Structure formats: C-alpha cells, structure tokens
C-alpha cells in the first residue's frame, strides 16, 4: 500500500473519530451499528492491512475529548467501519462483567474480532458475551436478529 493511501486513511479515521461522539449523541446502538456499516468496500482502502487499520484507529482515538467512558465502543465502531471499507469481515462483540450486574452502572465492553481472533480491545476482565454483530446480523443467545429487530429505548 502506498504511503499516500495510508496517510489518507489516517486523515479519514481521525475525522471520523472526531465526528463519532457527535453522531452518537441520543442515538440507539442499532443506529450506531448502521452508521458504522458501509454498503461495500472502498478501493481507497484496498491493500491496507488489518493490523495497520487497528493501529491507525488506536492512534486517532487515544485522547478522547468526549466518549471517554466508552473508549472501547468508540474504537470498536471506528475499527469495524474501516476494516469493512478495506474488505475485511470483522465482528463486534458486546460483553458484560458478571461481577458488575448488581452495580448501578454495569461494566460493558466492546471488542473487535477478525477470523476468530480478538484484534482490538481484548476483555479486561472475565466477561459474558451478550451479542455480536457482523455487519448485517446480530447474534446472541436468543438467536439471530437483524439490527432493525432491536427495540429502541
């Protein structure tokens, strides 16, 4: 991949990292997942490796002004979008810490997996998976749902 293409990717990820907190305000998770899911890969990102995209995302999102308490969600949505634009098929996995269920604010986590391997935001503690998202289907213990099947709160 040319250095110009990587530089362009860095600029676009940086901009998306700044816009995501604004776009996330008062939106459901369903809406955020739809925003993070491009219709098709982009030739601009062809040839950029998955590890390089993850590093670009981590660098662009390392000092959040907002969404500080949702770093893993912010990084996960960004990585998911740009990995898909590059032609990869990542999955977002959403988990919860069982030890926090009785807390007023349970600890949740979002990680990105590619080909069965966690490539961004491994679980920081023992977690129970709630569901995963592959760009079209939400999978969980209740079966498969389309994002449009999620209740909005």
N, C-alpha and C. Protein backbone atom coordinates (compact mmCIF):
# COMPACT_ATOMS: atom_id res chain seq x y z
N UNK A 1 0.85 -1.17 0.00
CA UNK A 1 0.00 0.00 0.00
C UNK A 1 0.89 1.23 0.00
N UNK A 2 0.52 2.20 -0.76
CA UNK A 2 1.33 3.41 -0.84
C UNK A 2 1.20 4.22 0.43
N UNK A 3 2.24 4.97 0.71
CA UNK A 3 2.20 5.80 1.91
C UNK A 3 1.13 6.88 1.79
N UNK A 4 0.82 7.31 0.56
CA UNK A 4 -0.24 8.30 0.37
C UNK A 4 -1.60 7.73 0.75
N UNK A 5 -1.85 6.48 0.41
CA UNK A 5 -3.13 5.85 0.77
C UNK A 5 -3.25 5.71 2.28
N UNK A 6 -2.15 5.34 2.94
CA UNK A 6 -2.16 5.21 4.40
C UNK A 6 -2.38 6.57 5.05
N UNK A 7 -1.73 7.61 4.51
CA UNK A 7 -1.92 8.96 5.05
C UNK A 7 -3.37 9.40 4.90
N UNK A 8 -3.97 9.10 3.75
CA UNK A 8 -5.37 9.45 3.54
C UNK A 8 -6.26 8.70 4.52
N UNK A 9 -5.95 7.43 4.75
CA UNK A 9 -6.71 6.63 5.71
C UNK A 9 -6.60 7.24 7.11
N UNK A 10 -5.40 7.65 7.49
CA UNK A 10 -5.20 8.27 8.81
C UNK A 10 -6.05 9.52 8.96
N UNK A 11 -6.08 10.35 7.91
CA UNK A 11 -6.88 11.59 7.97
C UNK A 11 -8.36 11.26 8.12
N UNK A 12 -8.84 10.29 7.36
CA UNK A 12 -10.26 9.95 7.40
C UNK A 12 -10.66 9.31 8.73
N UNK A 13 -9.79 8.47 9.28
CA UNK A 13 -10.07 7.88 10.60
C UNK A 13 -10.05 8.97 11.66
N UNK A 14 -9.09 9.89 11.58
CA UNK A 14 -9.02 10.99 12.55
C UNK A 14 -10.30 11.80 12.53
N UNK A 15 -10.79 12.14 11.33
CA UNK A 15 -12.02 12.91 11.20
C UNK A 15 -13.21 12.12 11.74
N UNK A 16 -13.30 10.86 11.39
CA UNK A 16 -14.41 10.02 11.88
C UNK A 16 -14.38 9.90 13.40
N UNK A 17 -13.18 9.84 13.99
CA UNK A 17 -13.05 9.76 15.45
C UNK A 17 -13.57 11.03 16.11
N UNK A 18 -13.43 12.17 15.44
CA UNK A 18 -13.94 13.43 15.99
C UNK A 18 -15.44 13.56 15.80
N UNK A 19 -15.96 13.02 14.71
CA UNK A 19 -17.40 13.14 14.42
C UNK A 19 -18.24 12.11 15.17
N UNK A 20 -17.68 10.95 15.46
CA UNK A 20 -18.46 9.87 16.09
C UNK A 20 -19.15 10.31 17.38
N UNK A 21 -18.48 10.99 18.31
CA UNK A 21 -19.18 11.39 19.53
C UNK A 21 -20.39 12.29 19.26
N UNK A 22 -20.29 13.13 18.25
CA UNK A 22 -21.42 14.00 17.89
C UNK A 22 -22.54 13.15 17.31
N UNK A 23 -22.18 12.23 16.42
CA UNK A 23 -23.18 11.36 15.80
C UNK A 23 -23.81 10.40 16.80
N UNK A 24 -23.08 10.06 17.86
CA UNK A 24 -23.57 9.09 18.84
C UNK A 24 -24.56 9.70 19.82
N UNK A 25 -24.59 11.01 19.91
CA UNK A 25 -25.48 11.67 20.87
C UNK A 25 -26.93 11.32 20.58
N UNK A 26 -27.59 10.77 21.56
CA UNK A 26 -29.02 10.44 21.50
C UNK A 26 -29.37 9.45 20.39
N UNK A 27 -28.44 8.59 20.02
CA UNK A 27 -28.73 7.56 19.02
C UNK A 27 -28.71 6.19 19.69
N UNK A 28 -29.54 5.30 19.21
CA UNK A 28 -29.57 3.93 19.72
C UNK A 28 -28.36 3.16 19.21
N UNK A 29 -28.08 2.04 19.84
CA UNK A 29 -26.99 1.19 19.37
C UNK A 29 -27.27 0.70 17.95
N UNK A 30 -28.52 0.40 17.67
CA UNK A 30 -28.90 0.00 16.32
C UNK A 30 -28.49 1.06 15.30
N UNK A 31 -28.77 2.31 15.59
CA UNK A 31 -28.42 3.40 14.67
C UNK A 31 -26.90 3.54 14.54
N UNK A 32 -26.18 3.38 15.64
CA UNK A 32 -24.71 3.46 15.59
C UNK A 32 -24.13 2.32 14.75
N UNK A 33 -24.68 1.13 14.89
CA UNK A 33 -24.20 0.00 14.10
C UNK A 33 -24.45 0.24 12.61
N UNK A 34 -25.61 0.79 12.28
CA UNK A 34 -25.89 1.10 10.88
C UNK A 34 -24.92 2.15 10.34
N UNK A 35 -24.61 3.18 11.16
CA UNK A 35 -23.65 4.20 10.73
C UNK A 35 -22.25 3.61 10.51
N UNK A 36 -21.91 2.62 11.30
CA UNK A 36 -20.57 2.01 11.22
C UNK A 36 -20.45 0.98 10.10
N UNK A 37 -21.55 0.66 9.44
CA UNK A 37 -21.54 -0.40 8.44
C UNK A 37 -21.63 0.19 7.03
N UNK A 38 -20.51 0.22 6.31
CA UNK A 38 -20.56 0.73 4.94
C UNK A 38 -21.28 -0.26 4.02
N UNK A 39 -21.82 0.26 2.93
CA UNK A 39 -22.54 -0.60 1.98
C UNK A 39 -21.63 -1.58 1.27
N UNK A 40 -20.40 -1.16 1.01
CA UNK A 40 -19.45 -2.02 0.28
C UNK A 40 -18.03 -1.56 0.59
N UNK A 41 -17.06 -2.42 0.32
CA UNK A 41 -15.66 -2.00 0.50
C UNK A 41 -15.32 -0.84 -0.44
N UNK A 42 -14.29 -0.10 -0.09
CA UNK A 42 -13.84 1.02 -0.91
C UNK A 42 -12.46 0.71 -1.49
N UNK A 43 -12.27 0.95 -2.79
CA UNK A 43 -10.95 0.71 -3.39
C UNK A 43 -9.85 1.55 -2.73
N UNK A 44 -10.22 2.68 -2.12
CA UNK A 44 -9.22 3.53 -1.45
C UNK A 44 -8.50 2.79 -0.34
N UNK A 45 -9.17 1.82 0.29
CA UNK A 45 -8.58 1.12 1.44
C UNK A 45 -8.03 -0.25 1.08
N UNK A 46 -8.22 -0.68 -0.15
CA UNK A 46 -7.72 -2.00 -0.57
C UNK A 46 -6.21 -2.04 -0.38
N UNK A 47 -5.74 -3.10 0.21
CA UNK A 47 -4.31 -3.25 0.41
C UNK A 47 -3.79 -2.79 1.75
N UNK A 48 -4.59 -2.03 2.50
CA UNK A 48 -4.16 -1.64 3.85
C UNK A 48 -4.49 -2.82 4.77
N UNK A 49 -3.52 -3.29 5.52
CA UNK A 49 -3.69 -4.46 6.36
C UNK A 49 -4.55 -4.20 7.59
N UNK A 50 -5.12 -5.26 8.12
CA UNK A 50 -6.00 -5.14 9.29
C UNK A 50 -5.25 -4.59 10.50
N UNK A 51 -4.03 -5.05 10.72
CA UNK A 51 -3.25 -4.55 11.87
C UNK A 51 -2.94 -3.06 11.72
N UNK A 52 -2.65 -2.65 10.50
CA UNK A 52 -2.37 -1.23 10.27
C UNK A 52 -3.61 -0.38 10.54
N UNK A 53 -4.77 -0.85 10.12
CA UNK A 53 -6.01 -0.11 10.38
C UNK A 53 -6.26 -0.01 11.88
N UNK A 54 -6.06 -1.10 12.61
CA UNK A 54 -6.25 -1.09 14.06
C UNK A 54 -5.30 -0.07 14.71
N UNK A 55 -4.06 -0.03 14.28
CA UNK A 55 -3.10 0.94 14.84
C UNK A 55 -3.51 2.38 14.51
N UNK A 56 -3.99 2.60 13.31
CA UNK A 56 -4.46 3.94 12.92
C UNK A 56 -5.63 4.36 13.80
N UNK A 57 -6.57 3.44 14.03
CA UNK A 57 -7.73 3.73 14.89
C UNK A 57 -7.28 4.03 16.31
N UNK A 58 -6.40 3.20 16.85
CA UNK A 58 -5.94 3.42 18.23
C UNK A 58 -5.25 4.78 18.36
N UNK A 59 -4.47 5.15 17.39
CA UNK A 59 -3.78 6.44 17.43
C UNK A 59 -4.79 7.59 17.34
N UNK A 60 -5.77 7.48 16.46
CA UNK A 60 -6.75 8.56 16.27
C UNK A 60 -7.67 8.72 17.47
N UNK A 61 -7.90 7.65 18.21
CA UNK A 61 -8.86 7.68 19.32
C UNK A 61 -8.18 7.69 20.69
N UNK A 62 -6.88 7.89 20.75
CA UNK A 62 -6.17 7.71 22.02
C UNK A 62 -6.45 8.77 23.07
N UNK A 63 -6.81 9.97 22.70
CA UNK A 63 -7.09 11.03 23.68
C UNK A 63 -8.49 11.60 23.43
N UNK A 64 -9.51 10.87 23.84
CA UNK A 64 -10.87 11.35 23.55
C UNK A 64 -11.25 12.57 24.39
N UNK A 65 -11.92 13.50 23.75
CA UNK A 65 -12.45 14.66 24.47
C UNK A 65 -13.81 14.29 25.05
N UNK A 66 -14.54 13.51 24.31
CA UNK A 66 -15.84 13.01 24.77
C UNK A 66 -15.86 11.51 24.52
N UNK A 67 -16.85 10.83 25.03
CA UNK A 67 -16.95 9.36 24.98
C UNK A 67 -15.79 8.71 25.72
N UNK A 68 -15.26 9.39 26.73
CA UNK A 68 -14.14 8.84 27.50
C UNK A 68 -14.50 7.54 28.19
N UNK A 69 -15.73 7.48 28.69
CA UNK A 69 -16.15 6.27 29.40
C UNK A 69 -16.62 5.17 28.46
N UNK A 70 -16.56 5.42 27.16
CA UNK A 70 -16.96 4.42 26.16
C UNK A 70 -15.87 4.25 25.11
N UNK A 71 -14.63 4.25 25.57
CA UNK A 71 -13.48 4.15 24.66
C UNK A 71 -13.57 2.91 23.78
N UNK A 72 -13.90 1.76 24.39
CA UNK A 72 -13.92 0.52 23.60
C UNK A 72 -15.01 0.57 22.53
N UNK A 73 -16.15 1.21 22.83
CA UNK A 73 -17.20 1.34 21.82
C UNK A 73 -16.74 2.26 20.69
N UNK A 74 -16.15 3.37 21.06
CA UNK A 74 -15.66 4.32 20.06
C UNK A 74 -14.63 3.67 19.14
N UNK A 75 -13.62 3.04 19.73
CA UNK A 75 -12.60 2.36 18.92
C UNK A 75 -13.19 1.21 18.12
N UNK A 76 -14.10 0.47 18.74
CA UNK A 76 -14.70 -0.68 18.05
C UNK A 76 -15.49 -0.27 16.82
N UNK A 77 -16.33 0.76 16.96
CA UNK A 77 -17.12 1.22 15.82
C UNK A 77 -16.22 1.75 14.69
N UNK A 78 -15.19 2.49 15.07
CA UNK A 78 -14.26 3.02 14.05
C UNK A 78 -13.51 1.90 13.34
N UNK A 79 -12.95 0.98 14.12
CA UNK A 79 -12.21 -0.13 13.51
C UNK A 79 -13.12 -0.98 12.63
N UNK A 80 -14.32 -1.27 13.13
CA UNK A 80 -15.27 -2.06 12.36
C UNK A 80 -15.52 -1.41 11.00
N UNK A 81 -15.81 -0.12 11.00
CA UNK A 81 -16.11 0.59 9.75
C UNK A 81 -14.94 0.55 8.77
N UNK A 82 -13.75 0.90 9.25
CA UNK A 82 -12.61 0.99 8.33
C UNK A 82 -12.08 -0.38 7.92
N UNK A 83 -12.22 -1.38 8.76
CA UNK A 83 -11.87 -2.74 8.34
C UNK A 83 -12.81 -3.21 7.23
N UNK A 84 -14.10 -2.92 7.38
CA UNK A 84 -15.05 -3.30 6.33
C UNK A 84 -14.78 -2.54 5.04
N UNK A 85 -14.44 -1.25 5.16
CA UNK A 85 -14.11 -0.48 3.96
C UNK A 85 -12.90 -1.07 3.24
N UNK A 86 -11.99 -1.69 4.00
CA UNK A 86 -10.79 -2.31 3.41
C UNK A 86 -11.06 -3.73 2.90
N UNK A 87 -12.30 -4.20 3.05
CA UNK A 87 -12.66 -5.52 2.52
C UNK A 87 -12.60 -6.65 3.52
N UNK A 88 -12.33 -6.36 4.78
CA UNK A 88 -12.31 -7.39 5.82
C UNK A 88 -13.73 -7.63 6.33
N UNK A 89 -13.89 -8.72 7.09
CA UNK A 89 -15.19 -9.07 7.65
C UNK A 89 -15.08 -9.20 9.17
N UNK A 90 -14.94 -8.07 9.87
CA UNK A 90 -14.80 -8.12 11.33
C UNK A 90 -16.15 -8.34 12.00
N UNK A 91 -16.09 -8.67 13.27
CA UNK A 91 -17.29 -8.78 14.11
C UNK A 91 -17.07 -7.92 15.35
N UNK A 92 -18.13 -7.25 15.77
CA UNK A 92 -18.13 -6.54 17.05
C UNK A 92 -18.76 -7.47 18.07
N UNK A 93 -18.12 -7.64 19.21
CA UNK A 93 -18.65 -8.47 20.29
C UNK A 93 -18.91 -7.58 21.50
N UNK A 94 -20.12 -7.67 22.03
CA UNK A 94 -20.53 -6.88 23.18
C UNK A 94 -20.68 -7.80 24.38
N UNK A 95 -20.03 -7.44 25.49
CA UNK A 95 -19.99 -8.29 26.68
C UNK A 95 -20.29 -7.46 27.92
N UNK A 96 -20.54 -8.17 29.01
CA UNK A 96 -20.79 -7.53 30.30
C UNK A 96 -20.05 -8.30 31.38
N UNK A 97 -19.57 -7.57 32.38
CA UNK A 97 -18.87 -8.20 33.51
C UNK A 97 -19.91 -8.70 34.51
N UNK A 98 -20.00 -10.01 34.74
CA UNK A 98 -21.00 -10.53 35.67
C UNK A 98 -20.86 -9.94 37.07
N UNK A 99 -19.63 -9.64 37.47
CA UNK A 99 -19.41 -9.09 38.81
C UNK A 99 -20.01 -7.70 38.98
N UNK A 100 -20.38 -7.05 37.88
CA UNK A 100 -20.91 -5.69 37.95
C UNK A 100 -22.43 -5.63 37.81
N UNK A 101 -23.09 -6.77 37.68
CA UNK A 101 -24.53 -6.77 37.42
C UNK A 101 -25.33 -6.12 38.53
N UNK A 102 -24.86 -6.18 39.76
CA UNK A 102 -25.59 -5.56 40.86
C UNK A 102 -25.22 -4.08 41.04
N UNK A 103 -24.25 -3.60 40.28
CA UNK A 103 -23.85 -2.19 40.36
C UNK A 103 -24.90 -1.30 39.70
N UNK A 104 -24.90 -0.03 40.07
CA UNK A 104 -25.85 0.90 39.44
C UNK A 104 -25.52 1.12 37.97
N UNK A 105 -24.26 0.90 37.63
CA UNK A 105 -23.83 1.03 36.23
C UNK A 105 -22.95 -0.17 35.87
N UNK A 106 -23.54 -1.23 35.34
CA UNK A 106 -22.75 -2.43 34.99
C UNK A 106 -21.65 -2.10 33.99
N UNK A 107 -20.55 -2.85 34.06
CA UNK A 107 -19.42 -2.65 33.15
C UNK A 107 -19.62 -3.48 31.88
N UNK A 108 -19.71 -2.79 30.77
CA UNK A 108 -19.87 -3.45 29.48
C UNK A 108 -18.59 -3.25 28.68
N UNK A 109 -18.45 -4.03 27.62
CA UNK A 109 -17.23 -3.97 26.82
C UNK A 109 -17.54 -4.30 25.36
N UNK A 110 -16.80 -3.68 24.46
CA UNK A 110 -16.91 -3.94 23.02
C UNK A 110 -15.52 -4.29 22.50
N UNK A 111 -15.42 -5.42 21.82
CA UNK A 111 -14.14 -5.81 21.22
C UNK A 111 -14.36 -6.15 19.75
N UNK A 112 -13.28 -6.09 18.99
CA UNK A 112 -13.35 -6.38 17.56
C UNK A 112 -12.62 -7.69 17.31
N UNK A 113 -13.29 -8.58 16.58
CA UNK A 113 -12.69 -9.87 16.23
C UNK A 113 -12.62 -9.98 14.71
N UNK A 114 -11.57 -10.64 14.26
CA UNK A 114 -11.38 -10.91 12.84
C UNK A 114 -10.86 -12.32 12.71
N UNK A 115 -11.56 -13.14 11.94
CA UNK A 115 -11.17 -14.54 11.74
C UNK A 115 -11.01 -15.28 13.06
N UNK A 116 -11.92 -15.02 14.01
CA UNK A 116 -11.92 -15.73 15.29
C UNK A 116 -10.91 -15.23 16.30
N UNK A 117 -10.18 -14.17 15.99
CA UNK A 117 -9.15 -13.63 16.88
C UNK A 117 -9.50 -12.20 17.28
N UNK A 118 -9.35 -11.89 18.57
CA UNK A 118 -9.57 -10.51 19.02
C UNK A 118 -8.40 -9.66 18.53
N UNK A 119 -8.71 -8.63 17.74
CA UNK A 119 -7.64 -7.77 17.21
C UNK A 119 -7.66 -6.38 17.83
N UNK A 120 -8.72 -6.06 18.58
CA UNK A 120 -8.79 -4.76 19.25
C UNK A 120 -9.64 -4.89 20.51
N UNK A 121 -9.13 -4.37 21.60
CA UNK A 121 -9.82 -4.31 22.88
C UNK A 121 -10.17 -5.68 23.47
N UNK A 122 -9.17 -6.49 23.79
CA UNK A 122 -9.48 -7.75 24.47
C UNK A 122 -10.18 -7.46 25.80
N UNK A 123 -10.95 -8.41 26.27
CA UNK A 123 -11.70 -8.22 27.53
C UNK A 123 -10.73 -7.96 28.68
N UNK A 124 -10.97 -6.89 29.46
CA UNK A 124 -10.07 -6.54 30.56
C UNK A 124 -10.28 -7.39 31.80
N UNK A 125 -11.37 -8.12 31.84
CA UNK A 125 -11.72 -8.97 32.98
C UNK A 125 -12.66 -10.05 32.47
N UNK A 126 -12.98 -11.05 33.29
CA UNK A 126 -13.93 -12.07 32.82
C UNK A 126 -15.26 -11.42 32.42
N UNK A 127 -15.70 -11.73 31.24
CA UNK A 127 -16.92 -11.15 30.68
C UNK A 127 -17.81 -12.24 30.11
N UNK A 128 -19.09 -11.92 30.02
CA UNK A 128 -20.07 -12.80 29.39
C UNK A 128 -20.54 -12.10 28.12
N UNK A 129 -20.43 -12.80 26.99
CA UNK A 129 -20.89 -12.21 25.73
C UNK A 129 -22.40 -12.04 25.74
N UNK A 130 -22.85 -10.86 25.31
CA UNK A 130 -24.27 -10.60 25.16
C UNK A 130 -24.70 -10.86 23.72
N UNK A 131 -23.96 -10.28 22.78
CA UNK A 131 -24.26 -10.49 21.37
C UNK A 131 -23.07 -10.04 20.54
N UNK A 132 -23.12 -10.41 19.26
CA UNK A 132 -22.10 -9.97 18.32
C UNK A 132 -22.80 -9.43 17.07
N UNK A 133 -22.07 -8.64 16.30
CA UNK A 133 -22.61 -8.01 15.10
C UNK A 133 -21.60 -8.16 13.98
N UNK A 134 -22.06 -8.66 12.83
CA UNK A 134 -21.15 -8.91 11.71
C UNK A 134 -21.36 -7.99 10.51
N UNK A 135 -22.19 -6.99 10.68
CA UNK A 135 -22.45 -6.07 9.58
C UNK A 135 -23.85 -6.21 9.02
N UNK A 136 -24.56 -7.22 9.45
CA UNK A 136 -25.93 -7.42 8.98
C UNK A 136 -26.78 -8.15 9.98
N UNK A 137 -26.15 -8.98 10.78
CA UNK A 137 -26.87 -9.82 11.73
C UNK A 137 -26.33 -9.63 13.13
N UNK A 138 -27.25 -9.58 14.07
CA UNK A 138 -26.87 -9.58 15.48
C UNK A 138 -27.12 -10.98 15.98
N UNK A 139 -26.09 -11.60 16.55
CA UNK A 139 -26.19 -12.97 17.05
C UNK A 139 -26.02 -12.96 18.56
N UNK A 140 -26.87 -13.71 19.23
CA UNK A 140 -26.77 -13.84 20.68
C UNK A 140 -27.44 -15.12 21.10
N UNK A 141 -27.60 -15.28 22.40
CA UNK A 141 -28.22 -16.49 22.92
C UNK A 141 -29.66 -16.66 22.45
N UNK A 142 -30.30 -15.58 22.04
CA UNK A 142 -31.68 -15.66 21.60
C UNK A 142 -31.80 -15.96 20.12
N UNK A 143 -30.70 -16.19 19.44
CA UNK A 143 -30.75 -16.49 18.02
C UNK A 143 -30.19 -15.34 17.21
N UNK A 144 -30.63 -15.24 15.97
CA UNK A 144 -30.13 -14.20 15.06
C UNK A 144 -31.21 -13.15 14.84
N UNK A 145 -30.82 -11.91 14.91
CA UNK A 145 -31.72 -10.79 14.69
C UNK A 145 -31.08 -9.83 13.71
N UNK A 146 -31.89 -9.18 12.92
CA UNK A 146 -31.38 -8.07 12.12
C UNK A 146 -31.32 -6.85 13.03
N UNK A 147 -30.50 -5.88 12.70
CA UNK A 147 -30.40 -4.70 13.56
C UNK A 147 -31.75 -4.00 13.67
N UNK A 148 -32.58 -4.09 12.66
CA UNK A 148 -33.88 -3.44 12.71
C UNK A 148 -34.83 -4.12 13.69
N UNK A 149 -34.48 -5.32 14.17
CA UNK A 149 -35.32 -6.03 15.13
C UNK A 149 -35.06 -5.60 16.57
N UNK A 150 -34.05 -4.77 16.81
CA UNK A 150 -33.72 -4.37 18.17
C UNK A 150 -34.70 -3.31 18.64
N UNK A 151 -35.19 -3.47 19.86
CA UNK A 151 -36.08 -2.46 20.43
C UNK A 151 -35.29 -1.20 20.74
N UNK A 152 -35.87 -0.07 20.47
CA UNK A 152 -35.21 1.21 20.75
C UNK A 152 -35.69 1.69 22.10
N UNK A 153 -34.75 2.20 22.91
CA UNK A 153 -35.11 2.67 24.24
C UNK A 153 -35.01 4.13 24.40
